[in-house]
Amino acid sequence: DPKQALAREMAVLGLPITVLLNRAGQEIAR
């Protein structure tokens, strides 16, 4: 994600950040 488009939209404000997604592609935990 070289331009951080995905990270920005997923509100990644520091590293590492790990996001758990359910089968519907929704964030359920972080």
PDB file of all heavy atoms in Angstrom:
ATOM      1  N   ASP A   1       0.879  -1.175   0.000  1.00  0.00           N
ATOM      2  CA  ASP A   1       0.000   0.000   0.000  1.00  0.00           C
ATOM      3  C   ASP A   1       0.920   1.229   0.000  1.00  0.00           C
ATOM      4  O   ASP A   1       0.997   1.964   0.978  1.00  0.00           O
ATOM      5  CB  ASP A   1      -0.887  -0.038   1.251  1.00  0.00           C
ATOM      6  CG  ASP A   1      -1.878   1.110   1.350  1.00  0.00           C
ATOM      7  OD1 ASP A   1      -2.272   1.667   0.304  1.00  0.00           O
ATOM      8  OD2 ASP A   1      -2.260   1.439   2.486  1.00  0.00           O
ATOM      9  N   PRO A   2       1.671   1.444  -1.103  1.00  0.00           N
ATOM     10  CA  PRO A   2       2.726   2.463  -1.103  1.00  0.00           C
ATOM     11  C   PRO A   2       2.241   3.887  -0.877  1.00  0.00           C
ATOM     12  O   PRO A   2       2.959   4.705  -0.295  1.00  0.00           O
ATOM     13  CB  PRO A   2       3.393   2.306  -2.467  1.00  0.00           C
ATOM     14  CG  PRO A   2       2.374   1.621  -3.324  1.00  0.00           C
ATOM     15  CD  PRO A   2       1.555   0.776  -2.391  1.00  0.00           C
ATOM     16  N   LYS A   3       1.044   4.196  -1.308  1.00  0.00           N
ATOM     17  CA  LYS A   3       0.529   5.561  -1.122  1.00  0.00           C
ATOM     18  C   LYS A   3      -0.364   5.660   0.101  1.00  0.00           C
ATOM     19  O   LYS A   3      -0.992   6.682   0.338  1.00  0.00           O
ATOM     20  CB  LYS A   3      -0.200   6.020  -2.377  1.00  0.00           C
ATOM     21  CG  LYS A   3       0.749   6.134  -3.559  1.00  0.00           C
ATOM     22  CD  LYS A   3       0.106   6.727  -4.761  1.00  0.00           C
ATOM     23  CE  LYS A   3       1.151   6.811  -5.868  1.00  0.00           C
ATOM     24  NZ  LYS A   3       0.624   7.359  -7.089  1.00  0.00           N
ATOM     25  N   GLN A   4      -0.458   4.597   0.866  1.00  0.00           N
ATOM     26  CA  GLN A   4      -1.206   4.525   2.117  1.00  0.00           C
ATOM     27  C   GLN A   4      -2.700   4.813   1.956  1.00  0.00           C
ATOM     28  O   GLN A   4      -3.358   5.229   2.907  1.00  0.00           O
ATOM     29  CB  GLN A   4      -0.590   5.456   3.159  1.00  0.00           C
ATOM     30  CG  GLN A   4       0.847   5.107   3.479  1.00  0.00           C
ATOM     31  CD  GLN A   4       1.482   6.068   4.440  1.00  0.00           C
ATOM     32  OE1 GLN A   4       1.324   7.293   4.316  1.00  0.00           O
ATOM     33  NE2 GLN A   4       2.207   5.535   5.397  1.00  0.00           N
ATOM     34  N   ALA A   5      -3.249   4.560   0.784  1.00  0.00           N
ATOM     35  CA  ALA A   5      -4.675   4.811   0.560  1.00  0.00           C
ATOM     36  C   ALA A   5      -5.529   3.887   1.429  1.00  0.00           C
ATOM     37  O   ALA A   5      -6.474   4.342   2.084  1.00  0.00           O
ATOM     38  CB  ALA A   5      -5.016   4.631  -0.917  1.00  0.00           C
ATOM     39  N   LEU A   6      -5.196   2.610   1.451  1.00  0.00           N
ATOM     40  CA  LEU A   6      -5.936   1.659   2.271  1.00  0.00           C
ATOM     41  C   LEU A   6      -5.749   1.991   3.753  1.00  0.00           C
ATOM     42  O   LEU A   6      -6.716   2.036   4.510  1.00  0.00           O
ATOM     43  CB  LEU A   6      -5.476   0.222   1.985  1.00  0.00           C
ATOM     44  CG  LEU A   6      -6.132  -0.884   2.813  1.00  0.00           C
ATOM     45  CD1 LEU A   6      -7.624  -0.983   2.504  1.00  0.00           C
ATOM     46  CD2 LEU A   6      -5.437  -2.224   2.556  1.00  0.00           C
ATOM     47  N   ALA A   7      -4.522   2.240   4.153  1.00  0.00           N
ATOM     48  CA  ALA A   7      -4.224   2.549   5.558  1.00  0.00           C
ATOM     49  C   ALA A   7      -4.969   3.806   6.016  1.00  0.00           C
ATOM     50  O   ALA A   7      -5.545   3.833   7.103  1.00  0.00           O
ATOM     51  CB  ALA A   7      -2.722   2.717   5.763  1.00  0.00           C
ATOM     52  N   ARG A   8      -4.968   4.841   5.197  1.00  0.00           N
ATOM     53  CA  ARG A   8      -5.675   6.084   5.565  1.00  0.00           C
ATOM     54  C   ARG A   8      -7.162   5.832   5.744  1.00  0.00           C
ATOM     55  O   ARG A   8      -7.764   6.267   6.719  1.00  0.00           O
ATOM     56  CB  ARG A   8      -5.453   7.168   4.509  1.00  0.00           C
ATOM     57  CG  ARG A   8      -4.286   8.078   4.765  1.00  0.00           C
ATOM     58  CD  ARG A   8      -4.303   9.331   3.898  1.00  0.00           C
ATOM     59  NE  ARG A   8      -4.509   9.083   2.483  1.00  0.00           N
ATOM     60  CZ  ARG A   8      -3.552   8.726   1.639  1.00  0.00           C
ATOM     61  NH1 ARG A   8      -2.331   8.556   2.049  1.00  0.00           N
ATOM     62  NH2 ARG A   8      -3.825   8.531   0.364  1.00  0.00           N
ATOM     63  N   GLU A   9      -7.754   5.128   4.780  1.00  0.00           N
ATOM     64  CA  GLU A   9      -9.197   4.891   4.849  1.00  0.00           C
ATOM     65  C   GLU A   9      -9.564   3.976   6.017  1.00  0.00           C
ATOM     66  O   GLU A   9     -10.668   4.036   6.533  1.00  0.00           O
ATOM     67  CB  GLU A   9      -9.714   4.322   3.532  1.00  0.00           C
ATOM     68  CG  GLU A   9     -11.224   4.400   3.482  1.00  0.00           C
ATOM     69  CD  GLU A   9     -11.772   4.317   2.085  1.00  0.00           C
ATOM     70  OE1 GLU A   9     -11.495   5.240   1.286  1.00  0.00           O
ATOM     71  OE2 GLU A   9     -12.468   3.349   1.802  1.00  0.00           O
ATOM     72  N   MET A  10      -8.625   3.140   6.443  1.00  0.00           N
ATOM     73  CA  MET A  10      -8.866   2.242   7.579  1.00  0.00           C
ATOM     74  C   MET A  10      -8.422   2.874   8.902  1.00  0.00           C
ATOM     75  O   MET A  10      -8.368   2.199   9.926  1.00  0.00           O
ATOM     76  CB  MET A  10      -8.136   0.907   7.370  1.00  0.00           C
ATOM     77  CG  MET A  10      -8.624   0.075   6.206  1.00  0.00           C
ATOM     78  SD  MET A  10     -10.200  -0.755   6.476  1.00  0.00           S
ATOM     79  CE  MET A  10      -9.845  -1.825   7.838  1.00  0.00           C
ATOM     80  N   ALA A  11      -8.118   4.177   8.886  1.00  0.00           N
ATOM     81  CA  ALA A  11      -7.754   4.939  10.089  1.00  0.00           C
ATOM     82  C   ALA A  11      -6.548   4.332  10.819  1.00  0.00           C
ATOM     83  O   ALA A  11      -6.550   4.205  12.032  1.00  0.00           O
ATOM     84  CB  ALA A  11      -8.950   5.075  11.025  1.00  0.00           C
ATOM     85  N   VAL A  12      -5.522   3.988  10.036  1.00  0.00           N
ATOM     86  CA  VAL A  12      -4.285   3.472  10.617  1.00  0.00           C
ATOM     87  C   VAL A  12      -3.423   4.668  10.997  1.00  0.00           C
ATOM     88  O   VAL A  12      -2.961   5.396  10.140  1.00  0.00           O
ATOM     89  CB  VAL A  12      -3.561   2.531   9.624  1.00  0.00           C
ATOM     90  CG1 VAL A  12      -2.190   2.147  10.145  1.00  0.00           C
ATOM     91  CG2 VAL A  12      -4.413   1.308   9.361  1.00  0.00           C
ATOM     92  N   LEU A  13      -3.248   4.850  12.302  1.00  0.00           N
ATOM     93  CA  LEU A  13      -2.508   5.997  12.827  1.00  0.00           C
ATOM     94  C   LEU A  13      -1.312   5.508  13.640  1.00  0.00           C
ATOM     95  O   LEU A  13      -1.197   5.782  14.822  1.00  0.00           O
ATOM     96  CB  LEU A  13      -3.418   6.856  13.708  1.00  0.00           C
ATOM     97  CG  LEU A  13      -4.693   7.360  13.045  1.00  0.00           C
ATOM     98  CD1 LEU A  13      -5.604   8.028  14.060  1.00  0.00           C
ATOM     99  CD2 LEU A  13      -4.355   8.307  11.903  1.00  0.00           C
ATOM    100  N   GLY A  14      -0.446   4.792  13.021  1.00  0.00           N
ATOM    101  CA  GLY A  14       0.699   4.203  13.692  1.00  0.00           C
ATOM    102  C   GLY A  14       0.796   2.751  13.275  1.00  0.00           C
ATOM    103  O   GLY A  14      -0.145   2.200  12.720  1.00  0.00           O
ATOM    104  N   LEU A  15       1.946   2.162  13.524  1.00  0.00           N
ATOM    105  CA  LEU A  15       2.171   0.778  13.123  1.00  0.00           C
ATOM    106  C   LEU A  15       2.783   0.000  14.273  1.00  0.00           C
ATOM    107  O   LEU A  15       3.510   0.576  15.073  1.00  0.00           O
ATOM    108  CB  LEU A  15       3.113   0.718  11.909  1.00  0.00           C
ATOM    109  CG  LEU A  15       2.584   1.346  10.625  1.00  0.00           C
ATOM    110  CD1 LEU A  15       3.678   1.354   9.566  1.00  0.00           C
ATOM    111  CD2 LEU A  15       1.352   0.632  10.112  1.00  0.00           C
ATOM    112  N   PRO A  16       2.527  -1.270  14.340  1.00  0.00           N
ATOM    113  CA  PRO A  16       1.574  -2.035  13.546  1.00  0.00           C
ATOM    114  C   PRO A  16       0.147  -1.861  14.045  1.00  0.00           C
ATOM    115  O   PRO A  16      -0.085  -1.554  15.208  1.00  0.00           O
ATOM    116  CB  PRO A  16       2.024  -3.485  13.757  1.00  0.00           C
ATOM    117  CG  PRO A  16       2.636  -3.483  15.128  1.00  0.00           C
ATOM    118  CD  PRO A  16       3.273  -2.131  15.281  1.00  0.00           C
ATOM    119  N   ILE A  17      -0.768  -2.058  13.142  1.00  0.00           N
ATOM    120  CA  ILE A  17      -2.206  -2.118  13.438  1.00  0.00           C
ATOM    121  C   ILE A  17      -2.712  -3.397  12.775  1.00  0.00           C
ATOM    122  O   ILE A  17      -2.411  -3.660  11.611  1.00  0.00           O
ATOM    123  CB  ILE A  17      -2.982  -0.920  12.845  1.00  0.00           C
ATOM    124  CG1 ILE A  17      -2.553   0.390  13.462  1.00  0.00           C
ATOM    125  CG2 ILE A  17      -4.489  -1.139  12.957  1.00  0.00           C
ATOM    126  CD1 ILE A  17      -3.148   0.704  14.804  1.00  0.00           C
ATOM    127  N   THR A  18      -3.468  -4.178  13.516  1.00  0.00           N
ATOM    128  CA  THR A  18      -4.028  -5.408  12.972  1.00  0.00           C
ATOM    129  C   THR A  18      -5.539  -5.368  13.148  1.00  0.00           C
ATOM    130  O   THR A  18      -6.036  -5.082  14.237  1.00  0.00           O
ATOM    131  CB  THR A  18      -3.425  -6.644  13.676  1.00  0.00           C
ATOM    132  OG1 THR A  18      -2.000  -6.555  13.593  1.00  0.00           O
ATOM    133  CG2 THR A  18      -3.889  -7.920  13.003  1.00  0.00           C
ATOM    134  N   VAL A  19      -6.252  -5.627  12.054  1.00  0.00           N
ATOM    135  CA  VAL A  19      -7.698  -5.520  12.010  1.00  0.00           C
ATOM    136  C   VAL A  19      -8.279  -6.894  11.686  1.00  0.00           C
ATOM    137  O   VAL A  19      -7.840  -7.554  10.743  1.00  0.00           O
ATOM    138  CB  VAL A  19      -8.132  -4.489  10.938  1.00  0.00           C
ATOM    139  CG1 VAL A  19      -9.636  -4.394  10.841  1.00  0.00           C
ATOM    140  CG2 VAL A  19      -7.519  -3.121  11.227  1.00  0.00           C
ATOM    141  N   LEU A  20      -9.259  -7.310  12.472  1.00  0.00           N
ATOM    142  CA  LEU A  20      -9.935  -8.590  12.245  1.00  0.00           C
ATOM    143  C   LEU A  20     -11.232  -8.318  11.496  1.00  0.00           C
ATOM    144  O   LEU A  20     -12.067  -7.527  11.948  1.00  0.00           O
ATOM    145  CB  LEU A  20     -10.208  -9.278  13.588  1.00  0.00           C
ATOM    146  CG  LEU A  20     -10.839 -10.663  13.552  1.00  0.00           C
ATOM    147  CD1 LEU A  20     -10.003 -11.648  12.739  1.00  0.00           C
ATOM    148  CD2 LEU A  20     -11.056 -11.174  14.976  1.00  0.00           C
ATOM    149  N   LEU A  21     -11.373  -8.958  10.337  1.00  0.00           N
ATOM    150  CA  LEU A  21     -12.551  -8.787   9.489  1.00  0.00           C
ATOM    151  C   LEU A  21     -13.373 -10.071   9.487  1.00  0.00           C
ATOM    152  O   LEU A  21     -12.813 -11.166   9.401  1.00  0.00           O
ATOM    153  CB  LEU A  21     -12.142  -8.468   8.045  1.00  0.00           C
ATOM    154  CG  LEU A  21     -11.238  -7.252   7.831  1.00  0.00           C
ATOM    155  CD1 LEU A  21     -10.815  -7.174   6.364  1.00  0.00           C
ATOM    156  CD2 LEU A  21     -11.920  -5.975   8.263  1.00  0.00           C
ATOM    157  N   ASN A  22     -14.696  -9.924   9.549  1.00  0.00           N
ATOM    158  CA  ASN A  22     -15.574 -11.089   9.461  1.00  0.00           C
ATOM    159  C   ASN A  22     -15.725 -11.519   8.004  1.00  0.00           C
ATOM    160  O   ASN A  22     -15.148 -10.912   7.098  1.00  0.00           O
ATOM    161  CB  ASN A  22     -16.927 -10.809  10.136  1.00  0.00           C
ATOM    162  CG  ASN A  22     -17.733  -9.727   9.452  1.00  0.00           C
ATOM    163  OD1 ASN A  22     -17.468  -9.317   8.325  1.00  0.00           O
ATOM    164  ND2 ASN A  22     -18.742  -9.231  10.145  1.00  0.00           N
ATOM    165  N   ARG A  23     -16.510 -12.549   7.774  1.00  0.00           N
ATOM    166  CA  ARG A  23     -16.679 -13.095   6.419  1.00  0.00           C
ATOM    167  C   ARG A  23     -17.334 -12.102   5.458  1.00  0.00           C
ATOM    168  O   ARG A  23     -17.186 -12.225   4.244  1.00  0.00           O
ATOM    169  CB  ARG A  23     -17.492 -14.378   6.470  1.00  0.00           C
ATOM    170  CG  ARG A  23     -16.768 -15.515   7.159  1.00  0.00           C
ATOM    171  CD  ARG A  23     -17.660 -16.752   7.232  1.00  0.00           C
ATOM    172  NE  ARG A  23     -17.078 -17.794   8.041  1.00  0.00           N
ATOM    173  CZ  ARG A  23     -16.185 -18.671   7.618  1.00  0.00           C
ATOM    174  NH1 ARG A  23     -15.764 -18.628   6.374  1.00  0.00           N
ATOM    175  NH2 ARG A  23     -15.717 -19.599   8.424  1.00  0.00           N
ATOM    176  N   ALA A  24     -18.058 -11.133   5.988  1.00  0.00           N
ATOM    177  CA  ALA A  24     -18.694 -10.112   5.153  1.00  0.00           C
ATOM    178  C   ALA A  24     -17.750  -8.956   4.853  1.00  0.00           C
ATOM    179  O   ALA A  24     -18.137  -7.986   4.213  1.00  0.00           O
ATOM    180  CB  ALA A  24     -19.957  -9.594   5.836  1.00  0.00           C
ATOM    181  N   GLY A  25     -16.498  -9.054   5.328  1.00  0.00           N
ATOM    182  CA  GLY A  25     -15.511  -8.010   5.068  1.00  0.00           C
ATOM    183  C   GLY A  25     -15.655  -6.811   5.979  1.00  0.00           C
ATOM    184  O   GLY A  25     -15.165  -5.737   5.666  1.00  0.00           O
ATOM    185  N   GLN A  26     -16.293  -6.973   7.121  1.00  0.00           N
ATOM    186  CA  GLN A  26     -16.493  -5.883   8.075  1.00  0.00           C
ATOM    187  C   GLN A  26     -15.499  -6.013   9.231  1.00  0.00           C
ATOM    188  O   GLN A  26     -15.192  -7.116   9.682  1.00  0.00           O
ATOM    189  CB  GLN A  26     -17.910  -5.931   8.642  1.00  0.00           C
ATOM    190  CG  GLN A  26     -18.988  -5.800   7.593  1.00  0.00           C
ATOM    191  CD  GLN A  26     -20.337  -6.204   8.149  1.00  0.00           C
ATOM    192  OE1 GLN A  26     -20.480  -7.244   8.786  1.00  0.00           O
ATOM    193  NE2 GLN A  26     -21.333  -5.371   7.903  1.00  0.00           N
ATOM    194  N   GLU A  27     -15.051  -4.873   9.710  1.00  0.00           N
ATOM    195  CA  GLU A  27     -14.132  -4.860  10.849  1.00  0.00           C
ATOM    196  C   GLU A  27     -14.902  -5.193  12.124  1.00  0.00           C
ATOM    197  O   GLU A  27     -15.891  -4.553  12.455  1.00  0.00           O
ATOM    198  CB  GLU A  27     -13.489  -3.486  10.992  1.00  0.00           C
ATOM    199  CG  GLU A  27     -12.542  -3.396  12.161  1.00  0.00           C
ATOM    200  CD  GLU A  27     -11.829  -2.060  12.272  1.00  0.00           C
ATOM    201  OE1 GLU A  27     -11.640  -1.369  11.238  1.00  0.00           O
ATOM    202  OE2 GLU A  27     -11.465  -1.696  13.398  1.00  0.00           O
ATOM    203  N   ILE A  28     -14.417  -6.213  12.847  1.00  0.00           N
ATOM    204  CA  ILE A  28     -15.060  -6.587  14.107  1.00  0.00           C
ATOM    205  C   ILE A  28     -14.144  -6.375  15.310  1.00  0.00           C
ATOM    206  O   ILE A  28     -14.620  -6.359  16.446  1.00  0.00           O
ATOM    207  CB  ILE A  28     -15.590  -8.037  14.079  1.00  0.00           C
ATOM    208  CG1 ILE A  28     -14.476  -9.036  13.797  1.00  0.00           C
ATOM    209  CG2 ILE A  28     -16.721  -8.167  13.070  1.00  0.00           C
ATOM    210  CD1 ILE A  28     -14.907 -10.487  13.970  1.00  0.00           C
ATOM    211  N   ALA A  29     -12.837  -6.201  15.058  1.00  0.00           N
ATOM    212  CA  ALA A  29     -11.900  -5.966  16.154  1.00  0.00           C
ATOM    213  C   ALA A  29     -10.619  -5.351  15.598  1.00  0.00           C
ATOM    214  O   ALA A  29     -10.341  -5.463  14.402  1.00  0.00           O
ATOM    215  CB  ALA A  29     -11.596  -7.268  16.888  1.00  0.00           C
ATOM    216  N   ARG A  30      -9.859  -4.714  16.504  1.00  0.00           N
ATOM    217  CA  ARG A  30      -8.625  -4.032  16.101  1.00  0.00           C
ATOM    218  C   ARG A  30      -7.638  -4.066  17.252  1.00  0.00           C
ATOM    219  O   ARG A  30      -8.009  -3.885  18.406  1.00  0.00           O
ATOM    220  CB  ARG A  30      -8.963  -2.586  15.728  1.00  0.00           C
ATOM    221  CG  ARG A  30      -7.772  -1.722  15.356  1.00  0.00           C
ATOM    222  CD  ARG A  30      -8.223  -0.325  14.993  1.00  0.00           C
ATOM    223  NE  ARG A  30      -8.898  -0.346  13.709  1.00  0.00           N
ATOM    224  CZ  ARG A  30      -8.559   0.423  12.679  1.00  0.00           C
ATOM    225  NH1 ARG A  30      -7.577   1.278  12.771  1.00  0.00           N
ATOM    226  NH2 ARG A  30      -9.221   0.349  11.544  1.00  0.00           N
TER     227      ARG A  30
END
